[in-house]
PDB file of N, CA and C in Angstrom:
ATOM      1  N   MET A   1      23.192  16.849  24.365  1.00  0.00           N
ATOM      2  CA  MET A   1      24.414  17.098  23.609  1.00  0.00           C
ATOM      3  C   MET A   1      25.451  16.039  23.981  1.00  0.00           C
ATOM      4  N   ARG A   2      25.994  15.373  22.982  1.00  0.00           N
ATOM      5  CA  ARG A   2      26.969  14.311  23.206  1.00  0.00           C
ATOM      6  C   ARG A   2      28.358  14.824  22.864  1.00  0.00           C
ATOM      7  N   THR A   3      29.292  14.647  23.756  1.00  0.00           N
ATOM      8  CA  THR A   3      30.670  15.060  23.522  1.00  0.00           C
ATOM      9  C   THR A   3      31.533  13.830  23.322  1.00  0.00           C
ATOM     10  N   THR A   4      32.329  13.839  22.276  1.00  0.00           N
ATOM     11  CA  THR A   4      33.238  12.729  22.000  1.00  0.00           C
ATOM     12  C   THR A   4      34.554  13.000  22.706  1.00  0.00           C
ATOM     13  N   GLY A   5      34.897  12.168  23.670  1.00  0.00           N
ATOM     14  CA  GLY A   5      36.144  12.331  24.409  1.00  0.00           C
ATOM     15  C   GLY A   5      37.262  11.537  23.776  1.00  0.00           C
ATOM     16  N   LEU A   6      38.479  11.827  24.218  1.00  0.00           N
ATOM     17  CA  LEU A   6      39.640  11.116  23.670  1.00  0.00           C
ATOM     18  C   LEU A   6      39.585   9.627  23.953  1.00  0.00           C
ATOM     19  N   LYS A   7      39.039   9.228  25.099  1.00  0.00           N
ATOM     20  CA  LYS A   7      38.957   7.798  25.420  1.00  0.00           C
ATOM     21  C   LYS A   7      38.076   7.057  24.427  1.00  0.00           C
ATOM     22  N   SER A   8      36.993   7.692  23.964  1.00  0.00           N
ATOM     23  CA  SER A   8      36.098   7.010  23.030  1.00  0.00           C
ATOM     24  C   SER A   8      36.707   6.904  21.631  1.00  0.00           C
ATOM     25  N   LEU A   9      37.734   7.692  21.336  1.00  0.00           N
ATOM     26  CA  LEU A   9      38.411   7.636  20.034  1.00  0.00           C
ATOM     27  C   LEU A   9      39.652   6.748  20.058  1.00  0.00           C
ATOM     28  N   LYS A  10      39.988   6.221  21.211  1.00  0.00           N
ATOM     29  CA  LYS A  10      41.233   5.477  21.414  1.00  0.00           C
ATOM     30  C   LYS A  10      41.471   4.374  20.383  1.00  0.00           C
ATOM     31  N   ASP A  11      40.481   3.558  20.089  1.00  0.00           N
ATOM     32  CA  ASP A  11      40.661   2.409  19.194  1.00  0.00           C
ATOM     33  C   ASP A  11      40.064   2.636  17.816  1.00  0.00           C
ATOM     34  N   LYS A  12      39.804   3.890  17.448  1.00  0.00           N
ATOM     35  CA  LYS A  12      39.174   4.196  16.168  1.00  0.00           C
ATOM     36  C   LYS A  12      40.203   4.753  15.176  1.00  0.00           C
ATOM     37  N   ASP A  13      39.979   4.492  13.917  1.00  0.00           N
ATOM     38  CA  ASP A  13      40.829   5.018  12.843  1.00  0.00           C
ATOM     39  C   ASP A  13      40.368   6.445  12.540  1.00  0.00           C
ATOM     40  N   VAL A  14      41.179   7.421  12.905  1.00  0.00           N
ATOM     41  CA  VAL A  14      40.806   8.829  12.709  1.00  0.00           C
ATOM     42  C   VAL A  14      41.762   9.550  11.753  1.00  0.00           C
ATOM     43  N   ARG A  15      42.477   8.809  10.922  1.00  0.00           N
ATOM     44  CA  ARG A  15      43.423   9.462  10.002  1.00  0.00           C
ATOM     45  C   ARG A  15      42.709  10.340   8.978  1.00  0.00           C
ATOM     46  N   TYR A  16      41.425  10.104   8.725  1.00  0.00           N
ATOM     47  CA  TYR A  16      40.634  10.940   7.816  1.00  0.00           C
ATOM     48  C   TYR A  16      39.661  11.834   8.577  1.00  0.00           C
ATOM     49  N   GLY A  17      39.816  11.908   9.884  1.00  0.00           N
ATOM     50  CA  GLY A  17      38.910  12.683  10.727  1.00  0.00           C
ATOM     51  C   GLY A  17      37.941  11.755  11.432  1.00  0.00           C
ATOM     52  N   TYR A  18      37.003  12.343  12.179  1.00  0.00           N
ATOM     53  CA  TYR A  18      35.983  11.558  12.871  1.00  0.00           C
ATOM     54  C   TYR A  18      34.615  12.045  12.417  1.00  0.00           C
ATOM     55  N   TYR A  19      33.718  11.131  12.113  1.00  0.00           N
ATOM     56  CA  TYR A  19      32.382  11.470  11.645  1.00  0.00           C
ATOM     57  C   TYR A  19      31.361  10.692  12.471  1.00  0.00           C
ATOM     58  N   ASP A  20      30.262  11.342  12.840  1.00  0.00           N
ATOM     59  CA  ASP A  20      29.217  10.686  13.625  1.00  0.00           C
ATOM     60  C   ASP A  20      28.398   9.704  12.806  1.00  0.00           C
ATOM     61  N   ASN A  21      28.284   9.936  11.500  1.00  0.00           N
ATOM     62  CA  ASN A  21      27.473   9.084  10.631  1.00  0.00           C
ATOM     63  C   ASN A  21      28.358   8.361   9.629  1.00  0.00           C
ATOM     64  N   GLU A  22      27.825   7.275   9.070  1.00  0.00           N
ATOM     65  CA  GLU A  22      28.550   6.552   8.029  1.00  0.00           C
ATOM     66  C   GLU A  22      28.665   7.442   6.791  1.00  0.00           C
ATOM     67  N   ILE A  23      29.876   7.521   6.226  1.00  0.00           N
ATOM     68  CA  ILE A  23      30.099   8.340   5.035  1.00  0.00           C
ATOM     69  C   ILE A  23      31.026   7.605   4.074  1.00  0.00           C
ATOM     70  N   LEU A  24      31.095   8.116   2.846  1.00  0.00           N
ATOM     71  CA  LEU A  24      32.065   7.646   1.868  1.00  0.00           C
ATOM     72  C   LEU A  24      33.090   8.739   1.662  1.00  0.00           C
ATOM     73  N   LEU A  25      34.351   8.373   1.644  1.00  0.00           N
ATOM     74  CA  LEU A  25      35.450   9.311   1.427  1.00  0.00           C
ATOM     75  C   LEU A  25      36.135   8.980   0.115  1.00  0.00           C
ATOM     76  N   SER A  26      36.488  10.017  -0.642  1.00  0.00           N
ATOM     77  CA  SER A  26      37.326   9.800  -1.817  1.00  0.00           C
ATOM     78  C   SER A  26      38.698  10.374  -1.478  1.00  0.00           C
ATOM     79  N   VAL A  27      39.701   9.536  -1.582  1.00  0.00           N
ATOM     80  CA  VAL A  27      41.065   9.892  -1.175  1.00  0.00           C
ATOM     81  C   VAL A  27      41.989   9.688  -2.373  1.00  0.00           C
ATOM     82  N   VAL A  28      42.760  10.726  -2.722  1.00  0.00           N
ATOM     83  CA  VAL A  28      43.715  10.634  -3.821  1.00  0.00           C
ATOM     84  C   VAL A  28      45.121  10.741  -3.258  1.00  0.00           C
ATOM     85  N   ASP A  29      45.944   9.757  -3.566  1.00  0.00           N
ATOM     86  CA  ASP A  29      47.355   9.786  -3.200  1.00  0.00           C
ATOM     87  C   ASP A  29      48.129  10.156  -4.459  1.00  0.00           C
ATOM     88  N   LYS A  30      48.603  11.399  -4.522  1.00  0.00           N
ATOM     89  CA  LYS A  30      49.298  11.875  -5.725  1.00  0.00           C
ATOM     90  C   LYS A  30      50.633  11.173  -5.929  1.00  0.00           C
ATOM     91  N   THR A  31      51.283  10.784  -4.846  1.00  0.00           N
ATOM     92  CA  THR A  31      52.582  10.119  -4.956  1.00  0.00           C
ATOM     93  C   THR A  31      52.439   8.727  -5.563  1.00  0.00           C
ATOM     94  N   ASP A  32      51.466   7.964  -5.062  1.00  0.00           N
ATOM     95  CA  ASP A  32      51.241   6.610  -5.581  1.00  0.00           C
ATOM     96  C   ASP A  32      50.315   6.588  -6.791  1.00  0.00           C
ATOM     97  N   LYS A  33      49.761   7.771  -7.148  1.00  0.00           N
ATOM     98  CA  LYS A  33      48.859   7.919  -8.303  1.00  0.00           C
ATOM     99  C   LYS A  33      47.675   6.966  -8.196  1.00  0.00           C
ATOM    100  N   GLU A  34      46.986   7.044  -7.049  1.00  0.00           N
ATOM    101  CA  GLU A  34      45.873   6.141  -6.808  1.00  0.00           C
ATOM    102  C   GLU A  34      44.702   6.889  -6.170  1.00  0.00           C
ATOM    103  N   LEU A  35      43.499   6.575  -6.633  1.00  0.00           N
ATOM    104  CA  LEU A  35      42.252   7.080  -6.069  1.00  0.00           C
ATOM    105  C   LEU A  35      41.587   5.935  -5.326  1.00  0.00           C
ATOM    106  N   GLU A  36      41.127   6.212  -4.102  1.00  0.00           N
ATOM    107  CA  GLU A  36      40.409   5.205  -3.321  1.00  0.00           C
ATOM    108  C   GLU A  36      39.084   5.785  -2.849  1.00  0.00           C
ATOM    109  N   VAL A  37      38.056   4.948  -2.852  1.00  0.00           N
ATOM    110  CA  VAL A  37      36.790   5.285  -2.219  1.00  0.00           C
ATOM    111  C   VAL A  37      36.718   4.410  -0.969  1.00  0.00           C
ATOM    112  N   ILE A  38      36.551   5.085   0.181  1.00  0.00           N
ATOM    113  CA  ILE A  38      36.612   4.408   1.471  1.00  0.00           C
ATOM    114  C   ILE A  38      35.314   4.644   2.227  1.00  0.00           C
ATOM    115  N   SER A  39      34.760   3.582   2.801  1.00  0.00           N
ATOM    116  CA  SER A  39      33.599   3.689   3.676  1.00  0.00           C
ATOM    117  C   SER A  39      34.121   3.914   5.095  1.00  0.00           C
ATOM    118  N   TYR A  40      33.524   4.885   5.793  1.00  0.00           N
ATOM    119  CA  TYR A  40      33.902   5.167   7.180  1.00  0.00           C
ATOM    120  C   TYR A  40      32.649   5.040   8.034  1.00  0.00           C
ATOM    121  N   ASN A  41      32.688   4.151   9.028  1.00  0.00           N
ATOM    122  CA  ASN A  41      31.549   3.966   9.926  1.00  0.00           C
ATOM    123  C   ASN A  41      32.053   3.673  11.328  1.00  0.00           C
ATOM    124  N   ASP A  42      31.767   4.575  12.252  1.00  0.00           N
ATOM    125  CA  ASP A  42      32.127   4.416  13.665  1.00  0.00           C
ATOM    126  C   ASP A  42      33.611   4.115  13.860  1.00  0.00           C
ATOM    127  N   GLY A  43      34.458   4.835  13.134  1.00  0.00           N
ATOM    128  CA  GLY A  43      35.895   4.687  13.306  1.00  0.00           C
ATOM    129  C   GLY A  43      36.501   3.506  12.580  1.00  0.00           C
ATOM    130  N   VAL A  44      35.715   2.817  11.758  1.00  0.00           N
ATOM    131  CA  VAL A  44      36.219   1.671  10.997  1.00  0.00           C
ATOM    132  C   VAL A  44      36.191   2.042   9.514  1.00  0.00           C
ATOM    133  N   THR A  45      37.338   1.857   8.840  1.00  0.00           N
ATOM    134  CA  THR A  45      37.417   2.158   7.416  1.00  0.00           C
ATOM    135  C   THR A  45      37.463   0.863   6.609  1.00  0.00           C
ATOM    136  N   LYS A  46      36.880   0.925   5.402  1.00  0.00           N
ATOM    137  CA  LYS A  46      36.889  -0.228   4.500  1.00  0.00           C
ATOM    138  C   LYS A  46      37.035   0.300   3.080  1.00  0.00           C
ATOM    139  N   LYS A  47      38.077  -0.158   2.364  1.00  0.00           N
ATOM    140  CA  LYS A  47      38.291   0.258   0.982  1.00  0.00           C
ATOM    141  C   LYS A  47      37.264  -0.418   0.092  1.00  0.00           C
ATOM    142  N   LEU A  48      36.496   0.407  -0.642  1.00  0.00           N
ATOM    143  CA  LEU A  48      35.467  -0.121  -1.530  1.00  0.00           C
ATOM    144  C   LEU A  48      35.917  -0.159  -2.981  1.00  0.00           C
ATOM    145  N   PHE A  49      36.832   0.741  -3.346  1.00  0.00           N
ATOM    146  CA  PHE A  49      37.228   0.884  -4.744  1.00  0.00           C
ATOM    147  C   PHE A  49      38.589   1.548  -4.798  1.00  0.00           C
ATOM    148  N   SER A  50      39.403   1.166  -5.774  1.00  0.00           N
ATOM    149  CA  SER A  50      40.658   1.876  -6.027  1.00  0.00           C
ATOM    150  C   SER A  50      40.940   1.852  -7.521  1.00  0.00           C
ATOM    151  N   SER A  51      41.618   2.902  -7.984  1.00  0.00           N
ATOM    152  CA  SER A  51      41.924   3.022  -9.403  1.00  0.00           C
ATOM    153  C   SER A  51      43.166   3.882  -9.575  1.00  0.00           C
ATOM    154  N   SER A  52      43.907   3.622 -10.621  1.00  0.00           N
ATOM    155  CA  SER A  52      45.053   4.462 -10.968  1.00  0.00           C
ATOM    156  C   SER A  52      44.543   5.795 -11.503  1.00  0.00           C
ATOM    157  N   VAL A  53      45.305   6.851 -11.267  1.00  0.00           N
ATOM    158  CA  VAL A  53      44.959   8.173 -11.783  1.00  0.00           C
ATOM    159  C   VAL A  53      46.171   8.795 -12.455  1.00  0.00           C
ATOM    160  N   ILE A  54      45.923   9.746 -13.327  1.00  0.00           N
ATOM    161  CA  ILE A  54      46.993  10.476 -13.995  1.00  0.00           C
ATOM    162  C   ILE A  54      47.178  11.801 -13.276  1.00  0.00           C
ATOM    163  N   VAL A  55      48.406  12.102 -12.893  1.00  0.00           N
ATOM    164  CA  VAL A  55      48.716  13.372 -12.236  1.00  0.00           C
ATOM    165  C   VAL A  55      49.865  14.047 -12.977  1.00  0.00           C
ATOM    166  N   GLY A  56      50.086  15.306 -12.686  1.00  0.00           N
ATOM    167  CA  GLY A  56      51.186  16.042 -13.303  1.00  0.00           C
ATOM    168  C   GLY A  56      52.532  15.614 -12.738  1.00  0.00           C
ATOM    169  N   LYS A  57      53.576  16.249 -13.208  1.00  0.00           N
ATOM    170  CA  LYS A  57      54.937  15.951 -12.764  1.00  0.00           C
ATOM    171  C   LYS A  57      55.030  16.100 -11.244  1.00  0.00           C
ATOM    172  N   ASN A  58      55.585  15.111 -10.580  1.00  0.00           N
ATOM    173  CA  ASN A  58      55.751  15.095  -9.134  1.00  0.00           C
ATOM    174  C   ASN A  58      54.426  15.250  -8.385  1.00  0.00           C
ATOM    175  N   GLY A  59      53.314  14.869  -9.016  1.00  0.00           N
ATOM    176  CA  GLY A  59      52.017  14.949  -8.380  1.00  0.00           C
ATOM    177  C   GLY A  59      51.387  16.320  -8.431  1.00  0.00           C
ATOM    178  N   ASP A  60      52.075  17.306  -9.058  1.00  0.00           N
ATOM    179  CA  ASP A  60      51.533  18.660  -9.149  1.00  0.00           C
ATOM    180  C   ASP A  60      50.491  18.744 -10.244  1.00  0.00           C
ATOM    181  N   LYS A  61      49.550  19.662 -10.061  1.00  0.00           N
ATOM    182  CA  LYS A  61      48.556  19.890 -11.094  1.00  0.00           C
ATOM    183  C   LYS A  61      49.224  20.604 -12.262  1.00  0.00           C
ATOM    184  N   ALA A  62      48.865  20.211 -13.450  1.00  0.00           N
ATOM    185  CA  ALA A  62      49.418  20.853 -14.640  1.00  0.00           C
ATOM    186  C   ALA A  62      48.637  22.131 -14.932  1.00  0.00           C
ATOM    187  N   ALA A  63      49.334  23.201 -15.190  1.00  0.00           N
ATOM    188  CA  ALA A  63      48.689  24.480 -15.514  1.00  0.00           C
ATOM    189  C   ALA A  63      48.669  24.657 -17.025  1.00  0.00           C
ATOM    190  N   LEU A  64      47.542  25.093 -17.544  1.00  0.00           N
ATOM    191  CA  LEU A  64      47.420  25.349 -18.978  1.00  0.00           C
ATOM    192  C   LEU A  64      47.630  26.825 -19.220  1.00  0.00           C
ATOM    193  N   LYS A  65      48.403  27.150 -20.254  1.00  0.00           N
ATOM    194  CA  LYS A  65      48.644  28.544 -20.603  1.00  0.00           C
ATOM    195  C   LYS A  65      47.731  28.934 -21.759  1.00  0.00           C
ATOM    196  N   ALA A  66      47.151  30.119 -21.664  1.00  0.00           N
ATOM    197  CA  ALA A  66      46.310  30.624 -22.759  1.00  0.00           C
ATOM    198  C   ALA A  66      47.216  31.071 -23.888  1.00  0.00           C
ATOM    199  N   ILE A  67      46.785  30.802 -25.099  1.00  0.00           N
ATOM    200  CA  ILE A  67      47.583  31.184 -26.276  1.00  0.00           C
ATOM    201  C   ILE A  67      47.122  32.534 -26.779  1.00  0.00           C
TER     202      ILE A  67
END
């Protein structure tokens, strides 16, 4: 069993959490109206893709009312 200590995370980017395996993250910033796909591997992040997105007023989801 391997335990990840704080010292081993010292120089790693953990703003999206910590993962033992390489993964892809999809991150949406509602304020900047941008979607990013980010590769995360051993504490290193790399932006692979970004695109503008449409969001509701002030970044809130728009609710539809039934007629």
